[in-house]
Amino acid sequence: MEKVYLSQKGYNNLKTELDNLKTNVRPQLSKKIELAREHGDLKENAEYHAAREEQGLAEARINEIQDKLARAKIVDNEEISTDAIYIGSTVTLYDQDMDSEIIYTLVSEDEASITEGKISISSPVGKSLLGHKVDDTIEIEVPARTISYKVIKIERL
């Protein structure tokens, strides 16, 4: 069983989402389905079918979150070494082609947010950065081009 690496914040966010789905969304969808049933013939009841589909999506998300939480390994910020790039590392990179610096924090897929500078360790860039050290130069193939980064600094979150 493959572990899902999460920060404490990411773990808490998933728990909150799961609690909301179970305590708020599930009951609301059950009521929606009940009301739609009262409208008659279920074969031609679009409202009923839409509510059932919504319920199916919610249940799938509940199962997905429960699975991730069961496999979760909390990444302790204090355990993250700054000698190389690991999940939870914040790295400052020099983009040699653009002559600019960029800062990324490597996180799990569930915590990734490009607007916050958080990239997934399973993304092409994230995978390529793992294990590298300060002063390493990394060539990364992405769909648009080949990116050339130099690792400037490695920090904890």
Protein backbone atom coordinates (compact mmCIF):
# COMPACT_ATOMS: atom_id res chain seq x y z
CA MET A 1 0.00 0.00 0.00
CA GLU A 2 1.56 3.30 -1.16
CA LYS A 3 1.78 6.04 1.44
CA VAL A 4 0.21 9.45 0.92
CA TYR A 5 2.52 12.14 2.27
CA LEU A 6 0.74 15.13 3.77
CA SER A 7 1.60 18.08 5.94
CA GLN A 8 -0.40 18.37 9.15
CA LYS A 9 -2.36 21.21 7.53
CA GLY A 10 -3.13 19.07 4.44
CA TYR A 11 -4.23 16.19 6.66
CA ASN A 12 -6.48 18.51 8.69
CA ASN A 13 -7.98 19.97 5.50
CA LEU A 14 -8.89 16.49 4.23
CA LYS A 15 -10.41 15.58 7.62
CA THR A 16 -12.49 18.79 7.54
CA GLU A 17 -13.67 18.08 4.00
CA LEU A 18 -14.58 14.51 4.97
CA ASP A 19 -16.49 15.67 8.05
CA ASN A 20 -18.39 18.22 5.95
CA LEU A 21 -19.27 15.63 3.31
CA LYS A 22 -20.54 13.19 5.93
CA THR A 23 -22.40 15.58 8.21
CA ASN A 24 -23.71 18.22 5.79
CA VAL A 25 -23.56 17.13 2.16
CA ARG A 26 -24.83 13.55 2.62
CA PRO A 27 -27.99 14.57 4.52
CA GLN A 28 -28.70 17.41 2.06
CA LEU A 29 -28.43 15.06 -0.90
CA SER A 30 -30.68 12.50 0.78
CA LYS A 31 -33.33 15.20 1.22
CA LYS A 32 -32.90 16.29 -2.39
CA ILE A 33 -33.43 12.73 -3.59
CA GLU A 34 -36.45 12.31 -1.32
CA LEU A 35 -38.04 15.52 -2.65
CA ALA A 36 -37.33 14.56 -6.25
CA ARG A 37 -38.93 11.14 -5.72
CA GLU A 38 -42.15 12.84 -4.71
CA HIS A 39 -42.41 14.36 -8.19
CA GLY A 40 -43.51 11.09 -9.70
CA ASP A 41 -42.18 8.75 -12.36
CA LEU A 42 -38.47 8.20 -11.73
CA LYS A 43 -37.72 7.23 -15.35
CA GLU A 44 -38.34 10.75 -16.60
CA ASN A 45 -37.44 12.64 -13.44
CA ALA A 46 -34.34 14.69 -14.33
CA GLU A 47 -34.20 16.24 -10.85
CA TYR A 48 -34.03 12.78 -9.27
CA HIS A 49 -31.31 11.57 -11.66
CA ALA A 50 -29.24 14.72 -11.10
CA ALA A 51 -29.49 14.33 -7.33
CA ARG A 52 -28.49 10.65 -7.54
CA GLU A 53 -25.51 11.53 -9.71
CA GLU A 54 -24.48 14.23 -7.24
CA GLN A 55 -24.82 11.69 -4.43
CA GLY A 56 -22.60 9.25 -6.33
CA LEU A 57 -19.90 11.89 -6.77
CA ALA A 58 -20.05 12.81 -3.08
CA GLU A 59 -19.77 9.15 -2.03
CA ALA A 60 -16.81 8.63 -4.38
CA ARG A 61 -15.07 11.65 -2.83
CA ILE A 62 -15.78 10.34 0.69
CA ASN A 63 -14.21 6.98 -0.24
CA GLU A 64 -11.22 8.68 -1.85
CA ILE A 65 -10.55 10.85 1.21
CA GLN A 66 -10.98 7.93 3.62
CA ASP A 67 -8.47 5.92 1.59
CA LYS A 68 -5.94 8.77 1.57
CA LEU A 69 -6.30 9.37 5.29
CA ALA A 70 -5.83 5.65 5.99
CA ARG A 71 -2.57 5.69 4.00
CA ALA A 72 -1.43 9.13 5.22
CA LYS A 73 2.02 9.77 6.58
CA ILE A 74 2.33 13.19 8.19
CA VAL A 75 5.50 14.94 7.12
CA ASP A 76 6.99 16.59 10.20
CA ASN A 77 8.58 19.88 9.26
CA GLU A 78 11.35 19.37 11.80
CA GLU A 79 12.35 16.07 10.19
CA ILE A 80 12.89 17.60 6.76
CA SER A 81 16.57 17.90 6.01
CA THR A 82 17.83 20.90 4.08
CA ASP A 83 20.78 19.02 2.55
CA ALA A 84 18.64 17.88 -0.41
CA ILE A 85 15.17 18.45 -1.84
CA TYR A 86 12.41 16.30 -0.31
CA ILE A 87 8.64 16.54 0.08
CA GLY A 88 8.01 19.56 2.32
CA SER A 89 11.12 21.39 1.13
CA THR A 90 10.87 24.97 -0.03
CA VAL A 91 13.39 25.54 -2.80
CA THR A 92 14.68 28.66 -4.46
CA LEU A 93 15.62 27.98 -8.06
CA TYR A 94 17.31 30.10 -10.67
CA ASP A 95 15.66 29.73 -14.08
CA GLN A 96 18.62 30.10 -16.40
CA ASP A 97 16.53 30.68 -19.53
CA MET A 98 14.31 33.36 -17.99
CA ASP A 99 17.08 34.87 -15.83
CA SER A 100 14.81 34.86 -12.79
CA GLU A 101 14.34 33.14 -9.45
CA ILE A 102 11.35 31.04 -8.55
CA ILE A 103 10.36 29.51 -5.22
CA TYR A 104 8.48 26.22 -4.96
CA THR A 105 7.34 24.14 -2.02
CA LEU A 106 7.11 20.42 -2.78
CA VAL A 107 3.89 18.91 -1.47
CA SER A 108 1.52 15.99 -2.12
CA GLU A 109 -0.99 16.11 -4.97
CA ASP A 110 -3.75 17.05 -2.53
CA GLU A 111 -1.92 20.15 -1.33
CA ALA A 112 -0.62 21.39 -4.68
CA SER A 113 -1.55 24.96 -5.60
CA ILE A 114 0.42 26.75 -8.27
CA THR A 115 -0.95 30.11 -7.10
CA GLU A 116 0.64 29.45 -3.69
CA GLY A 117 3.87 28.12 -5.23
CA LYS A 118 3.13 24.58 -4.04
CA ILE A 119 3.90 21.90 -6.61
CA SER A 120 3.18 18.20 -6.41
CA ILE A 121 6.04 15.75 -6.01
CA SER A 122 4.36 13.70 -8.74
CA SER A 123 4.42 16.55 -11.28
CA PRO A 124 7.23 16.53 -13.87
CA VAL A 125 8.99 19.45 -12.16
CA GLY A 126 8.43 18.06 -8.65
CA LYS A 127 9.75 14.60 -9.57
CA SER A 128 12.81 16.11 -11.21
CA LEU A 129 13.69 18.25 -8.19
CA LEU A 130 13.59 15.44 -5.60
CA GLY A 131 16.99 14.52 -4.20
CA HIS A 132 18.92 17.42 -5.72
CA LYS A 133 21.21 19.64 -3.65
CA VAL A 134 22.23 23.29 -3.59
CA ASP A 135 24.25 24.26 -6.70
CA ASP A 136 22.87 21.33 -8.75
CA THR A 137 21.68 22.21 -12.24
CA ILE A 138 18.57 20.35 -13.37
CA GLU A 139 17.21 19.95 -16.89
CA ILE A 140 13.46 19.28 -16.87
CA GLU A 141 11.44 18.27 -19.92
CA VAL A 142 7.98 19.84 -19.86
CA PRO A 143 5.51 19.93 -22.76
CA ALA A 144 6.37 23.49 -23.81
CA ARG A 145 10.17 23.37 -23.48
CA THR A 146 13.16 22.14 -21.52
CA ILE A 147 13.62 24.10 -18.30
CA SER A 148 17.07 24.57 -16.81
CA TYR A 149 17.09 25.32 -13.07
CA LYS A 150 19.97 25.83 -10.67
CA VAL A 151 19.20 25.07 -7.00
CA ILE A 152 19.99 28.19 -4.97
CA LYS A 153 18.53 27.40 -1.55
CA ILE A 154 16.67 24.59 0.27
CA GLU A 155 14.53 25.37 3.33
CA ARG A 156 11.78 23.81 5.37
CA LEU A 157 8.15 24.94 4.98
